[in-house]
Amino acid sequence: MKYSLLVVIFFALLVFPARAKVLPEHADTTILRRADSMASVNLEEVEIISRRNNVSFWTRWRLNRLIRNVKKVYPYAKTAGALLRIYDTKLEHAKNDAQRKKLMKQAEAEIKTRYGPSLKKLTFMQGIILIKLIDRETGNTSYGLLQQLRGKFTAFFYQAFARVWGYNLKARYEPHGKDREIEAIVRLIKAGKL
């Protein structure tokens, strides 16, 4: 008896589907729309991040340290990208090489006085992350930027000096490779979730 009632209800729903009214074109798209008994809803994109509860203490500690480092360094990388765009436009309007050199010296002096003391306080790992995030924000490695703005000899000198201290100015940012954790953290910062 119980199964026959369920079968009758199922066939009734198949034979007599609910007729729904289609909303006019100017209606809000977030409202449930039904057309030919097919419901559709437009939703905002949601990023799902899995949290592993069974990770070790040291893995969680390393991730928390990486989050802290990226949060500290990311504003500097964004500022570097914005300043690069500003100085690129100024350099395009320069009339000759002498004026370009003068602009570059002014820019370097301004950046040293404004950001020098706080950048000197960065840790080794924060420096590595900053180099990678500058590549992410500008689309060019730190070495490439130095080469464009200061010349090949200066870029070579800075690269040699950086290699002595364990840095690599030619390091590329790989958002889908070894830097995917940094990319996930940056995306969370941009979304306002960190």
N, C-alpha and C. Protein backbone atom coordinates (compact mmCIF):
# COMPACT_ATOMS: atom_id res chain seq x y z
N MET A 1 0.82 -1.18 0.00
CA MET A 1 0.00 0.00 0.00
C MET A 1 0.87 1.26 0.00
N LYS A 2 1.87 1.26 0.84
CA LYS A 2 2.74 2.41 0.98
C LYS A 2 3.49 2.66 -0.32
N TYR A 3 3.98 1.60 -0.96
CA TYR A 3 4.74 1.74 -2.20
C TYR A 3 3.86 2.17 -3.36
N SER A 4 2.66 1.68 -3.40
CA SER A 4 1.77 2.04 -4.50
C SER A 4 1.39 3.51 -4.44
N LEU A 5 1.23 4.07 -3.24
CA LEU A 5 0.94 5.48 -3.09
C LEU A 5 2.12 6.32 -3.59
N LEU A 6 3.34 5.90 -3.28
CA LEU A 6 4.52 6.61 -3.75
C LEU A 6 4.65 6.56 -5.27
N VAL A 7 4.32 5.41 -5.86
CA VAL A 7 4.37 5.26 -7.31
C VAL A 7 3.36 6.18 -7.97
N VAL A 8 2.16 6.27 -7.41
CA VAL A 8 1.10 7.13 -7.96
C VAL A 8 1.52 8.59 -7.88
N ILE A 9 2.10 9.01 -6.77
CA ILE A 9 2.55 10.40 -6.61
C ILE A 9 3.67 10.69 -7.60
N PHE A 10 4.59 9.75 -7.76
CA PHE A 10 5.71 9.95 -8.69
C PHE A 10 5.21 10.13 -10.12
N PHE A 11 4.29 9.25 -10.55
CA PHE A 11 3.74 9.36 -11.91
C PHE A 11 2.89 10.62 -12.08
N ALA A 12 2.22 11.04 -11.02
CA ALA A 12 1.42 12.26 -11.10
C ALA A 12 2.32 13.47 -11.31
N LEU A 13 3.46 13.48 -10.65
CA LEU A 13 4.40 14.58 -10.82
C LEU A 13 5.02 14.58 -12.21
N LEU A 14 5.21 13.38 -12.78
CA LEU A 14 5.77 13.31 -14.12
C LEU A 14 4.77 13.73 -15.18
N VAL A 15 3.53 13.32 -15.00
CA VAL A 15 2.50 13.59 -16.01
C VAL A 15 2.02 15.04 -15.94
N PHE A 16 1.85 15.56 -14.74
CA PHE A 16 1.35 16.92 -14.56
C PHE A 16 2.43 17.79 -13.90
N PRO A 17 3.45 18.19 -14.66
CA PRO A 17 4.49 19.02 -14.05
C PRO A 17 3.95 20.38 -13.68
N ALA A 18 4.57 20.98 -12.69
CA ALA A 18 4.13 22.31 -12.24
C ALA A 18 4.47 23.33 -13.30
N ARG A 19 3.50 24.15 -13.64
CA ARG A 19 3.72 25.21 -14.62
C ARG A 19 4.13 26.46 -13.86
N ALA A 20 5.23 27.02 -14.26
CA ALA A 20 5.71 28.21 -13.58
C ALA A 20 5.70 29.38 -14.54
N LYS A 21 5.54 30.53 -14.01
CA LYS A 21 5.50 31.74 -14.81
C LYS A 21 6.94 32.22 -15.03
N VAL A 22 7.28 32.56 -16.27
CA VAL A 22 8.61 33.06 -16.59
C VAL A 22 8.63 34.54 -16.25
N LEU A 23 9.66 34.96 -15.53
CA LEU A 23 9.76 36.35 -15.11
C LEU A 23 10.13 37.24 -16.28
N PRO A 24 9.69 38.48 -16.29
CA PRO A 24 10.06 39.39 -17.38
C PRO A 24 11.57 39.65 -17.40
N GLU A 25 12.06 40.16 -18.53
CA GLU A 25 13.50 40.36 -18.72
C GLU A 25 14.08 41.36 -17.74
N HIS A 26 13.32 42.34 -17.34
CA HIS A 26 13.85 43.38 -16.46
C HIS A 26 13.84 42.99 -14.99
N ALA A 27 13.38 41.82 -14.67
CA ALA A 27 13.32 41.37 -13.28
C ALA A 27 14.73 41.08 -12.76
N ASP A 28 14.90 41.13 -11.46
CA ASP A 28 16.18 40.86 -10.82
C ASP A 28 16.60 39.42 -11.11
N THR A 29 17.85 39.24 -11.54
CA THR A 29 18.31 37.90 -11.94
C THR A 29 18.61 37.01 -10.75
N THR A 30 18.66 37.57 -9.55
CA THR A 30 18.92 36.72 -8.40
C THR A 30 17.66 36.00 -7.92
N ILE A 31 16.51 36.38 -8.45
CA ILE A 31 15.26 35.72 -8.10
C ILE A 31 15.21 34.38 -8.83
N LEU A 32 14.60 33.41 -8.20
CA LEU A 32 14.47 32.10 -8.80
C LEU A 32 13.65 32.20 -10.08
N ARG A 33 14.19 31.72 -11.19
CA ARG A 33 13.49 31.71 -12.47
C ARG A 33 13.11 30.28 -12.80
N ARG A 34 11.92 30.10 -13.33
CA ARG A 34 11.50 28.77 -13.73
C ARG A 34 11.00 28.87 -15.16
N ALA A 35 11.51 28.01 -15.99
CA ALA A 35 11.06 27.94 -17.38
C ALA A 35 11.08 26.46 -17.76
N ASP A 36 10.00 25.98 -18.23
CA ASP A 36 9.87 24.57 -18.58
C ASP A 36 10.23 23.67 -17.42
N SER A 37 9.80 24.01 -16.26
CA SER A 37 10.00 23.24 -15.03
C SER A 37 11.48 23.08 -14.68
N MET A 38 12.32 23.96 -15.17
CA MET A 38 13.75 23.90 -14.86
C MET A 38 14.12 25.16 -14.10
N ALA A 39 14.56 25.02 -12.89
CA ALA A 39 14.90 26.17 -12.06
C ALA A 39 16.35 26.58 -12.30
N SER A 40 16.59 27.89 -12.29
CA SER A 40 17.96 28.37 -12.39
C SER A 40 18.10 29.61 -11.52
N VAL A 41 19.24 29.70 -10.85
CA VAL A 41 19.52 30.81 -9.96
C VAL A 41 20.93 31.29 -10.26
N ASN A 42 21.11 32.60 -10.40
CA ASN A 42 22.44 33.17 -10.59
C ASN A 42 23.03 33.48 -9.21
N LEU A 43 24.16 32.87 -8.92
CA LEU A 43 24.81 33.05 -7.64
C LEU A 43 26.19 33.67 -7.82
N GLU A 44 26.69 34.30 -6.77
CA GLU A 44 28.04 34.82 -6.81
C GLU A 44 29.04 33.67 -6.77
N GLU A 45 30.22 33.92 -7.33
CA GLU A 45 31.26 32.90 -7.32
C GLU A 45 31.79 32.74 -5.90
N VAL A 46 31.97 31.51 -5.49
CA VAL A 46 32.45 31.20 -4.16
C VAL A 46 33.70 30.35 -4.29
N GLU A 47 34.74 30.73 -3.56
CA GLU A 47 35.96 29.94 -3.57
C GLU A 47 35.95 29.03 -2.35
N ILE A 48 36.15 27.76 -2.57
CA ILE A 48 36.14 26.78 -1.48
C ILE A 48 37.57 26.44 -1.12
N ILE A 49 37.87 26.62 0.14
CA ILE A 49 39.20 26.33 0.63
C ILE A 49 39.07 25.23 1.67
N SER A 50 39.77 24.15 1.44
CA SER A 50 39.67 23.04 2.39
C SER A 50 40.66 23.25 3.51
N ARG A 51 40.23 22.94 4.68
CA ARG A 51 41.10 22.99 5.84
C ARG A 51 41.31 21.57 6.31
N ARG A 52 42.55 21.21 6.36
CA ARG A 52 42.87 19.86 6.82
C ARG A 52 43.05 19.89 8.33
N ASN A 53 42.25 19.14 9.02
CA ASN A 53 42.33 19.12 10.47
C ASN A 53 43.40 18.17 10.98
N ASN A 54 43.84 17.27 10.13
CA ASN A 54 44.78 16.26 10.59
C ASN A 54 46.24 16.62 10.27
N VAL A 55 46.52 17.92 10.08
CA VAL A 55 47.90 18.31 9.79
C VAL A 55 48.67 18.40 11.09
N SER A 56 49.96 18.26 10.97
CA SER A 56 50.80 18.28 12.16
C SER A 56 50.95 19.70 12.70
N PHE A 57 51.43 19.79 13.90
CA PHE A 57 51.67 21.08 14.54
C PHE A 57 52.63 21.91 13.71
N TRP A 58 53.69 21.30 13.20
CA TRP A 58 54.71 22.03 12.46
C TRP A 58 54.21 22.51 11.10
N THR A 59 53.36 21.74 10.46
CA THR A 59 52.77 22.17 9.19
C THR A 59 51.87 23.37 9.41
N ARG A 60 51.05 23.32 10.44
CA ARG A 60 50.18 24.45 10.76
C ARG A 60 51.01 25.67 11.15
N TRP A 61 52.08 25.48 11.91
CA TRP A 61 52.96 26.58 12.32
C TRP A 61 53.61 27.22 11.09
N ARG A 62 54.07 26.39 10.15
CA ARG A 62 54.70 26.90 8.93
C ARG A 62 53.72 27.70 8.09
N LEU A 63 52.48 27.22 7.98
CA LEU A 63 51.45 27.92 7.21
C LEU A 63 51.09 29.25 7.87
N ASN A 64 50.97 29.26 9.19
CA ASN A 64 50.67 30.51 9.90
C ASN A 64 51.79 31.53 9.72
N ARG A 65 53.03 31.05 9.73
CA ARG A 65 54.17 31.94 9.52
C ARG A 65 54.16 32.48 8.09
N LEU A 66 53.82 31.64 7.12
CA LEU A 66 53.75 32.09 5.73
C LEU A 66 52.65 33.13 5.56
N ILE A 67 51.50 32.91 6.18
CA ILE A 67 50.41 33.89 6.12
C ILE A 67 50.87 35.22 6.72
N ARG A 68 51.51 35.18 7.87
CA ARG A 68 52.00 36.40 8.52
C ARG A 68 53.00 37.13 7.63
N ASN A 69 53.91 36.39 7.00
CA ASN A 69 54.92 37.01 6.14
C ASN A 69 54.29 37.63 4.89
N VAL A 70 53.36 36.93 4.27
CA VAL A 70 52.72 37.46 3.06
C VAL A 70 51.90 38.70 3.40
N LYS A 71 51.18 38.67 4.54
CA LYS A 71 50.40 39.84 4.94
C LYS A 71 51.29 41.05 5.21
N LYS A 72 52.48 40.82 5.68
CA LYS A 72 53.40 41.94 5.95
C LYS A 72 54.01 42.49 4.66
N VAL A 73 54.30 41.63 3.70
CA VAL A 73 55.06 42.01 2.50
C VAL A 73 54.15 42.44 1.34
N TYR A 74 52.94 41.92 1.26
CA TYR A 74 52.08 42.19 0.11
C TYR A 74 51.82 43.67 -0.13
N PRO A 75 51.59 44.49 0.91
CA PRO A 75 51.40 45.92 0.64
C PRO A 75 52.61 46.57 -0.03
N TYR A 76 53.82 46.13 0.31
CA TYR A 76 55.02 46.67 -0.34
C TYR A 76 55.05 46.29 -1.82
N ALA A 77 54.64 45.08 -2.14
CA ALA A 77 54.63 44.64 -3.53
C ALA A 77 53.59 45.42 -4.33
N LYS A 78 52.42 45.66 -3.75
CA LYS A 78 51.40 46.46 -4.43
C LYS A 78 51.89 47.88 -4.65
N THR A 79 52.56 48.44 -3.65
CA THR A 79 53.10 49.79 -3.78
C THR A 79 54.18 49.83 -4.85
N ALA A 80 55.00 48.79 -4.91
CA ALA A 80 56.05 48.73 -5.94
C ALA A 80 55.44 48.71 -7.33
N GLY A 81 54.37 47.95 -7.51
CA GLY A 81 53.69 47.91 -8.80
C GLY A 81 53.10 49.26 -9.18
N ALA A 82 52.48 49.94 -8.20
CA ALA A 82 51.89 51.25 -8.48
C ALA A 82 52.97 52.28 -8.78
N LEU A 83 54.06 52.27 -8.00
CA LEU A 83 55.16 53.22 -8.25
C LEU A 83 55.82 52.96 -9.59
N LEU A 84 55.94 51.71 -9.97
CA LEU A 84 56.55 51.39 -11.26
C LEU A 84 55.72 51.97 -12.40
N ARG A 85 54.41 51.85 -12.29
CA ARG A 85 53.56 52.42 -13.33
C ARG A 85 53.69 53.95 -13.39
N ILE A 86 53.78 54.58 -12.22
CA ILE A 86 53.94 56.04 -12.18
C ILE A 86 55.26 56.45 -12.79
N TYR A 87 56.34 55.78 -12.41
CA TYR A 87 57.66 56.15 -12.92
C TYR A 87 57.82 55.80 -14.39
N ASP A 88 57.14 54.76 -14.84
CA ASP A 88 57.19 54.43 -16.27
C ASP A 88 56.61 55.56 -17.12
N THR A 89 55.48 56.12 -16.65
CA THR A 89 54.90 57.23 -17.41
C THR A 89 55.79 58.46 -17.36
N LYS A 90 56.42 58.70 -16.21
CA LYS A 90 57.34 59.85 -16.12
C LYS A 90 58.55 59.65 -17.03
N LEU A 91 59.07 58.42 -17.08
CA LEU A 91 60.24 58.15 -17.91
C LEU A 91 59.91 58.22 -19.40
N GLU A 92 58.68 57.88 -19.77
CA GLU A 92 58.28 57.99 -21.18
C GLU A 92 58.26 59.44 -21.64
N HIS A 93 57.94 60.33 -20.72
CA HIS A 93 57.86 61.75 -21.07
C HIS A 93 59.20 62.47 -20.92
N ALA A 94 60.22 61.75 -20.48
CA ALA A 94 61.55 62.36 -20.35
C ALA A 94 62.10 62.68 -21.74
N LYS A 95 62.78 63.81 -21.83
CA LYS A 95 63.26 64.26 -23.13
C LYS A 95 64.57 63.61 -23.56
N ASN A 96 65.43 63.30 -22.58
CA ASN A 96 66.72 62.71 -22.93
C ASN A 96 67.20 61.80 -21.80
N ASP A 97 68.36 61.18 -22.01
CA ASP A 97 68.90 60.26 -21.01
C ASP A 97 69.29 60.96 -19.72
N ALA A 98 69.77 62.18 -19.82
CA ALA A 98 70.16 62.92 -18.61
C ALA A 98 68.94 63.16 -17.72
N GLN A 99 67.84 63.52 -18.33
CA GLN A 99 66.62 63.74 -17.55
C GLN A 99 66.11 62.42 -16.96
N ARG A 100 66.27 61.33 -17.69
CA ARG A 100 65.88 60.01 -17.18
C ARG A 100 66.71 59.64 -15.95
N LYS A 101 68.01 59.83 -16.04
CA LYS A 101 68.88 59.52 -14.89
C LYS A 101 68.51 60.36 -13.69
N LYS A 102 68.19 61.63 -13.92
CA LYS A 102 67.81 62.52 -12.83
C LYS A 102 66.51 62.03 -12.19
N LEU A 103 65.53 61.64 -13.01
CA LEU A 103 64.27 61.10 -12.49
C LEU A 103 64.50 59.82 -11.69
N MET A 104 65.38 58.96 -12.19
CA MET A 104 65.65 57.70 -11.50
C MET A 104 66.33 57.94 -10.15
N LYS A 105 67.25 58.88 -10.11
CA LYS A 105 67.92 59.19 -8.83
C LYS A 105 66.92 59.77 -7.83
N GLN A 106 66.02 60.63 -8.31
CA GLN A 106 64.99 61.18 -7.43
C GLN A 106 64.07 60.08 -6.91
N ALA A 107 63.67 59.19 -7.80
CA ALA A 107 62.79 58.09 -7.41
C ALA A 107 63.47 57.18 -6.40
N GLU A 108 64.74 56.87 -6.64
CA GLU A 108 65.48 55.99 -5.72
C GLU A 108 65.62 56.65 -4.35
N ALA A 109 65.93 57.95 -4.34
CA ALA A 109 66.07 58.66 -3.06
C ALA A 109 64.73 58.70 -2.32
N GLU A 110 63.65 58.94 -3.04
CA GLU A 110 62.33 58.99 -2.43
C GLU A 110 61.94 57.64 -1.84
N ILE A 111 62.21 56.58 -2.59
CA ILE A 111 61.86 55.24 -2.11
C ILE A 111 62.71 54.86 -0.91
N LYS A 112 64.00 55.20 -0.93
CA LYS A 112 64.87 54.88 0.21
C LYS A 112 64.43 55.61 1.47
N THR A 113 64.08 56.89 1.35
CA THR A 113 63.68 57.62 2.56
C THR A 113 62.31 57.17 3.06
N ARG A 114 61.42 56.83 2.14
CA ARG A 114 60.07 56.47 2.53
C ARG A 114 59.95 55.03 3.03
N TYR A 115 60.60 54.09 2.34
CA TYR A 115 60.43 52.67 2.65
C TYR A 115 61.69 51.99 3.17
N GLY A 116 62.83 52.64 3.09
CA GLY A 116 64.09 52.02 3.48
C GLY A 116 64.12 51.46 4.89
N PRO A 117 63.78 52.27 5.91
CA PRO A 117 63.84 51.73 7.28
C PRO A 117 62.94 50.52 7.51
N SER A 118 61.74 50.53 6.96
CA SER A 118 60.85 49.38 7.18
C SER A 118 61.28 48.17 6.36
N LEU A 119 61.85 48.39 5.17
CA LEU A 119 62.32 47.25 4.38
C LEU A 119 63.56 46.61 4.99
N LYS A 120 64.36 47.39 5.69
CA LYS A 120 65.54 46.82 6.35
C LYS A 120 65.17 45.88 7.48
N LYS A 121 63.96 46.02 8.01
CA LYS A 121 63.52 45.18 9.12
C LYS A 121 62.92 43.85 8.68
N LEU A 122 62.80 43.64 7.36
CA LEU A 122 62.22 42.39 6.86
C LEU A 122 63.16 41.22 7.14
N THR A 123 62.57 40.06 7.35
CA THR A 123 63.37 38.85 7.56
C THR A 123 63.80 38.29 6.20
N PHE A 124 64.63 37.28 6.24
CA PHE A 124 65.12 36.64 5.02
C PHE A 124 63.96 36.10 4.20
N MET A 125 63.06 35.37 4.84
CA MET A 125 61.93 34.76 4.12
C MET A 125 61.00 35.84 3.58
N GLN A 126 60.78 36.91 4.31
CA GLN A 126 59.95 38.00 3.82
C GLN A 126 60.57 38.65 2.59
N GLY A 127 61.90 38.72 2.55
CA GLY A 127 62.59 39.25 1.37
C GLY A 127 62.36 38.38 0.14
N ILE A 128 62.44 37.07 0.33
CA ILE A 128 62.20 36.15 -0.79
C ILE A 128 60.76 36.28 -1.29
N ILE A 129 59.82 36.37 -0.36
CA ILE A 129 58.41 36.50 -0.74
C ILE A 129 58.19 37.84 -1.44
N LEU A 130 58.84 38.89 -0.98
CA LEU A 130 58.70 40.20 -1.62
C LEU A 130 59.20 40.17 -3.06
N ILE A 131 60.33 39.52 -3.29
CA ILE A 131 60.86 39.41 -4.66
C ILE A 131 59.86 38.70 -5.56
N LYS A 132 59.24 37.65 -5.06
CA LYS A 132 58.26 36.90 -5.87
C LYS A 132 56.99 37.71 -6.08
N LEU A 133 56.54 38.42 -5.05
CA LEU A 133 55.31 39.20 -5.19
C LEU A 133 55.52 40.42 -6.09
N ILE A 134 56.72 40.95 -6.12
CA ILE A 134 57.01 42.04 -7.07
C ILE A 134 56.88 41.51 -8.49
N ASP A 135 57.35 40.31 -8.73
CA ASP A 135 57.17 39.68 -10.05
C ASP A 135 55.69 39.50 -10.34
N ARG A 136 54.91 39.12 -9.35
CA ARG A 136 53.47 38.93 -9.54
C ARG A 136 52.78 40.25 -9.87
N GLU A 137 53.14 41.31 -9.18
CA GLU A 137 52.46 42.60 -9.37
C GLU A 137 52.90 43.34 -10.63
N THR A 138 54.16 43.20 -11.00
CA THR A 138 54.67 43.96 -12.14
C THR A 138 54.74 43.14 -13.42
N GLY A 139 54.76 41.82 -13.29
CA GLY A 139 54.89 40.97 -14.47
C GLY A 139 56.34 40.83 -14.94
N ASN A 140 57.27 41.28 -14.12
CA ASN A 140 58.69 41.20 -14.47
C ASN A 140 59.49 40.90 -13.21
N THR A 141 60.57 40.17 -13.35
CA THR A 141 61.39 39.85 -12.19
C THR A 141 62.10 41.11 -11.69
N SER A 142 62.59 41.04 -10.47
CA SER A 142 63.33 42.17 -9.92
C SER A 142 64.58 42.44 -10.74
N TYR A 143 65.22 41.39 -11.21
CA TYR A 143 66.40 41.54 -12.06
C TYR A 143 66.03 42.25 -13.36
N GLY A 144 64.93 41.85 -13.97
CA GLY A 144 64.48 42.49 -15.21
C GLY A 144 64.14 43.96 -15.00
N LEU A 145 63.52 44.27 -13.86
CA LEU A 145 63.20 45.67 -13.56
C LEU A 145 64.47 46.50 -13.39
N LEU A 146 65.45 45.93 -12.66
CA LEU A 146 66.72 46.64 -12.49
C LEU A 146 67.40 46.85 -13.83
N GLN A 147 67.35 45.85 -14.66
CA GLN A 147 67.97 45.93 -15.98
C GLN A 147 67.32 47.03 -16.82
N GLN A 148 66.00 47.12 -16.76
CA GLN A 148 65.29 48.15 -17.51
C GLN A 148 65.57 49.55 -16.98
N LEU A 149 65.54 49.67 -15.66
CA LEU A 149 65.61 51.00 -15.06
C LEU A 149 67.03 51.48 -14.78
N ARG A 150 67.93 50.59 -14.45
CA ARG A 150 69.28 51.02 -14.06
C ARG A 150 70.39 50.54 -14.98
N GLY A 151 70.11 49.59 -15.84
CA GLY A 151 71.13 49.10 -16.76
C GLY A 151 71.58 47.70 -16.42
N LYS A 152 72.26 47.08 -17.38
CA LYS A 152 72.68 45.67 -17.23
C LYS A 152 73.77 45.51 -16.17
N PHE A 153 74.72 46.43 -16.12
CA PHE A 153 75.81 46.30 -15.17
C PHE A 153 75.30 46.40 -13.74
N THR A 154 74.43 47.36 -13.47
CA THR A 154 73.88 47.52 -12.12
C THR A 154 73.04 46.30 -11.74
N ALA A 155 72.25 45.80 -12.69
CA ALA A 155 71.44 44.61 -12.41
C ALA A 155 72.33 43.41 -12.11
N PHE A 156 73.42 43.25 -12.87
CA PHE A 156 74.36 42.16 -12.62
C PHE A 156 74.99 42.30 -11.24
N PHE A 157 75.37 43.53 -10.87
CA PHE A 157 75.99 43.78 -9.57
C PHE A 157 75.03 43.43 -8.43
N TYR A 158 73.79 43.90 -8.54
CA TYR A 158 72.80 43.62 -7.50
C TYR A 158 72.49 42.12 -7.42
N GLN A 159 72.43 41.45 -8.55
CA GLN A 159 72.18 40.01 -8.56
C GLN A 159 73.32 39.27 -7.87
N ALA A 160 74.56 39.65 -8.16
CA ALA A 160 75.71 39.00 -7.53
C ALA A 160 75.69 39.23 -6.02
N PHE A 161 75.38 40.45 -5.62
CA PHE A 161 75.31 40.78 -4.19
C PHE A 161 74.17 40.00 -3.53
N ALA A 162 73.03 39.90 -4.20
CA ALA A 162 71.89 39.18 -3.65
C ALA A 162 72.20 37.69 -3.51
N ARG A 163 72.90 37.12 -4.47
CA ARG A 163 73.24 35.69 -4.42
C ARG A 163 74.16 35.38 -3.24
N VAL A 164 75.03 36.34 -2.89
CA VAL A 164 75.90 36.14 -1.73
C VAL A 164 75.06 35.97 -0.46
N TRP A 165 73.96 36.69 -0.37
CA TRP A 165 73.11 36.63 0.81
C TRP A 165 71.99 35.60 0.68
N GLY A 166 71.93 34.86 -0.42
CA GLY A 166 70.95 33.79 -0.56
C GLY A 166 69.69 34.14 -1.32
N TYR A 167 69.65 35.32 -1.90
CA TYR A 167 68.48 35.73 -2.69
C TYR A 167 68.76 35.51 -4.16
N ASN A 168 67.68 35.46 -4.94
CA ASN A 168 67.80 35.36 -6.39
C ASN A 168 66.82 36.35 -7.01
N LEU A 169 67.34 37.41 -7.59
CA LEU A 169 66.50 38.44 -8.18
C LEU A 169 65.84 37.97 -9.47
N LYS A 170 66.31 36.86 -10.02
CA LYS A 170 65.73 36.31 -11.25
C LYS A 170 64.62 35.31 -10.97
N ALA A 171 64.27 35.12 -9.71
CA ALA A 171 63.25 34.13 -9.33
C ALA A 171 61.90 34.55 -9.91
N ARG A 172 61.25 33.61 -10.57
CA ARG A 172 59.93 33.84 -11.17
C ARG A 172 58.85 33.42 -10.18
N TYR A 173 57.73 34.07 -10.26
CA TYR A 173 56.57 33.73 -9.45
C TYR A 173 55.76 32.68 -10.19
N GLU A 174 55.52 31.54 -9.55
CA GLU A 174 54.79 30.43 -10.16
C GLU A 174 53.50 30.18 -9.38
N PRO A 175 52.40 30.85 -9.76
CA PRO A 175 51.16 30.72 -8.97
C PRO A 175 50.54 29.34 -8.99
N HIS A 176 50.83 28.55 -10.03
CA HIS A 176 50.27 27.19 -10.10
C HIS A 176 51.32 26.14 -9.78
N GLY A 177 52.50 26.57 -9.42
CA GLY A 177 53.59 25.65 -9.10
C GLY A 177 53.94 25.74 -7.62
N LYS A 178 55.20 26.04 -7.39
CA LYS A 178 55.68 26.03 -6.00
C LYS A 178 55.19 27.21 -5.17
N ASP A 179 54.61 28.23 -5.80
CA ASP A 179 54.11 29.40 -5.06
C ASP A 179 52.58 29.39 -4.95
N ARG A 180 51.96 28.24 -5.05
CA ARG A 180 50.50 28.20 -5.01
C ARG A 180 49.94 28.55 -3.63
N GLU A 181 50.70 28.26 -2.57
CA GLU A 181 50.24 28.65 -1.23
C GLU A 181 50.24 30.17 -1.09
N ILE A 182 51.28 30.82 -1.61
CA ILE A 182 51.36 32.28 -1.57
C ILE A 182 50.21 32.87 -2.39
N GLU A 183 49.94 32.29 -3.55
CA GLU A 183 48.84 32.79 -4.39
C GLU A 183 47.51 32.66 -3.68
N ALA A 184 47.28 31.55 -3.00
CA ALA A 184 46.02 31.37 -2.26
C ALA A 184 45.90 32.41 -1.15
N ILE A 185 47.00 32.69 -0.46
CA ILE A 185 46.97 33.68 0.61
C ILE A 185 46.70 35.07 0.04
N VAL A 186 47.33 35.41 -1.08
CA VAL A 186 47.11 36.72 -1.71
C VAL A 186 45.65 36.85 -2.14
N ARG A 187 45.08 35.81 -2.71
CA ARG A 187 43.68 35.86 -3.12
C ARG A 187 42.75 36.03 -1.93
N LEU A 188 43.08 35.41 -0.79
CA LEU A 188 42.28 35.60 0.41
C LEU A 188 42.42 37.02 0.96
N ILE A 189 43.62 37.57 0.86
CA ILE A 189 43.81 38.96 1.30
C ILE A 189 43.01 39.91 0.42
N LYS A 190 43.04 39.68 -0.90
CA LYS A 190 42.26 40.53 -1.81
C LYS A 190 40.77 40.41 -1.55
N ALA A 191 40.31 39.23 -1.19
CA ALA A 191 38.88 39.03 -0.91
C ALA A 191 38.48 39.54 0.45
N GLY A 192 39.46 39.95 1.27
CA GLY A 192 39.16 40.48 2.60
C GLY A 192 38.91 39.41 3.64
N LYS A 193 39.37 38.20 3.38
CA LYS A 193 39.14 37.09 4.30
C LYS A 193 40.32 36.84 5.23
N LEU A 194 41.42 37.53 4.99
CA LEU A 194 42.60 37.43 5.87
C LEU A 194 43.03 38.80 6.29
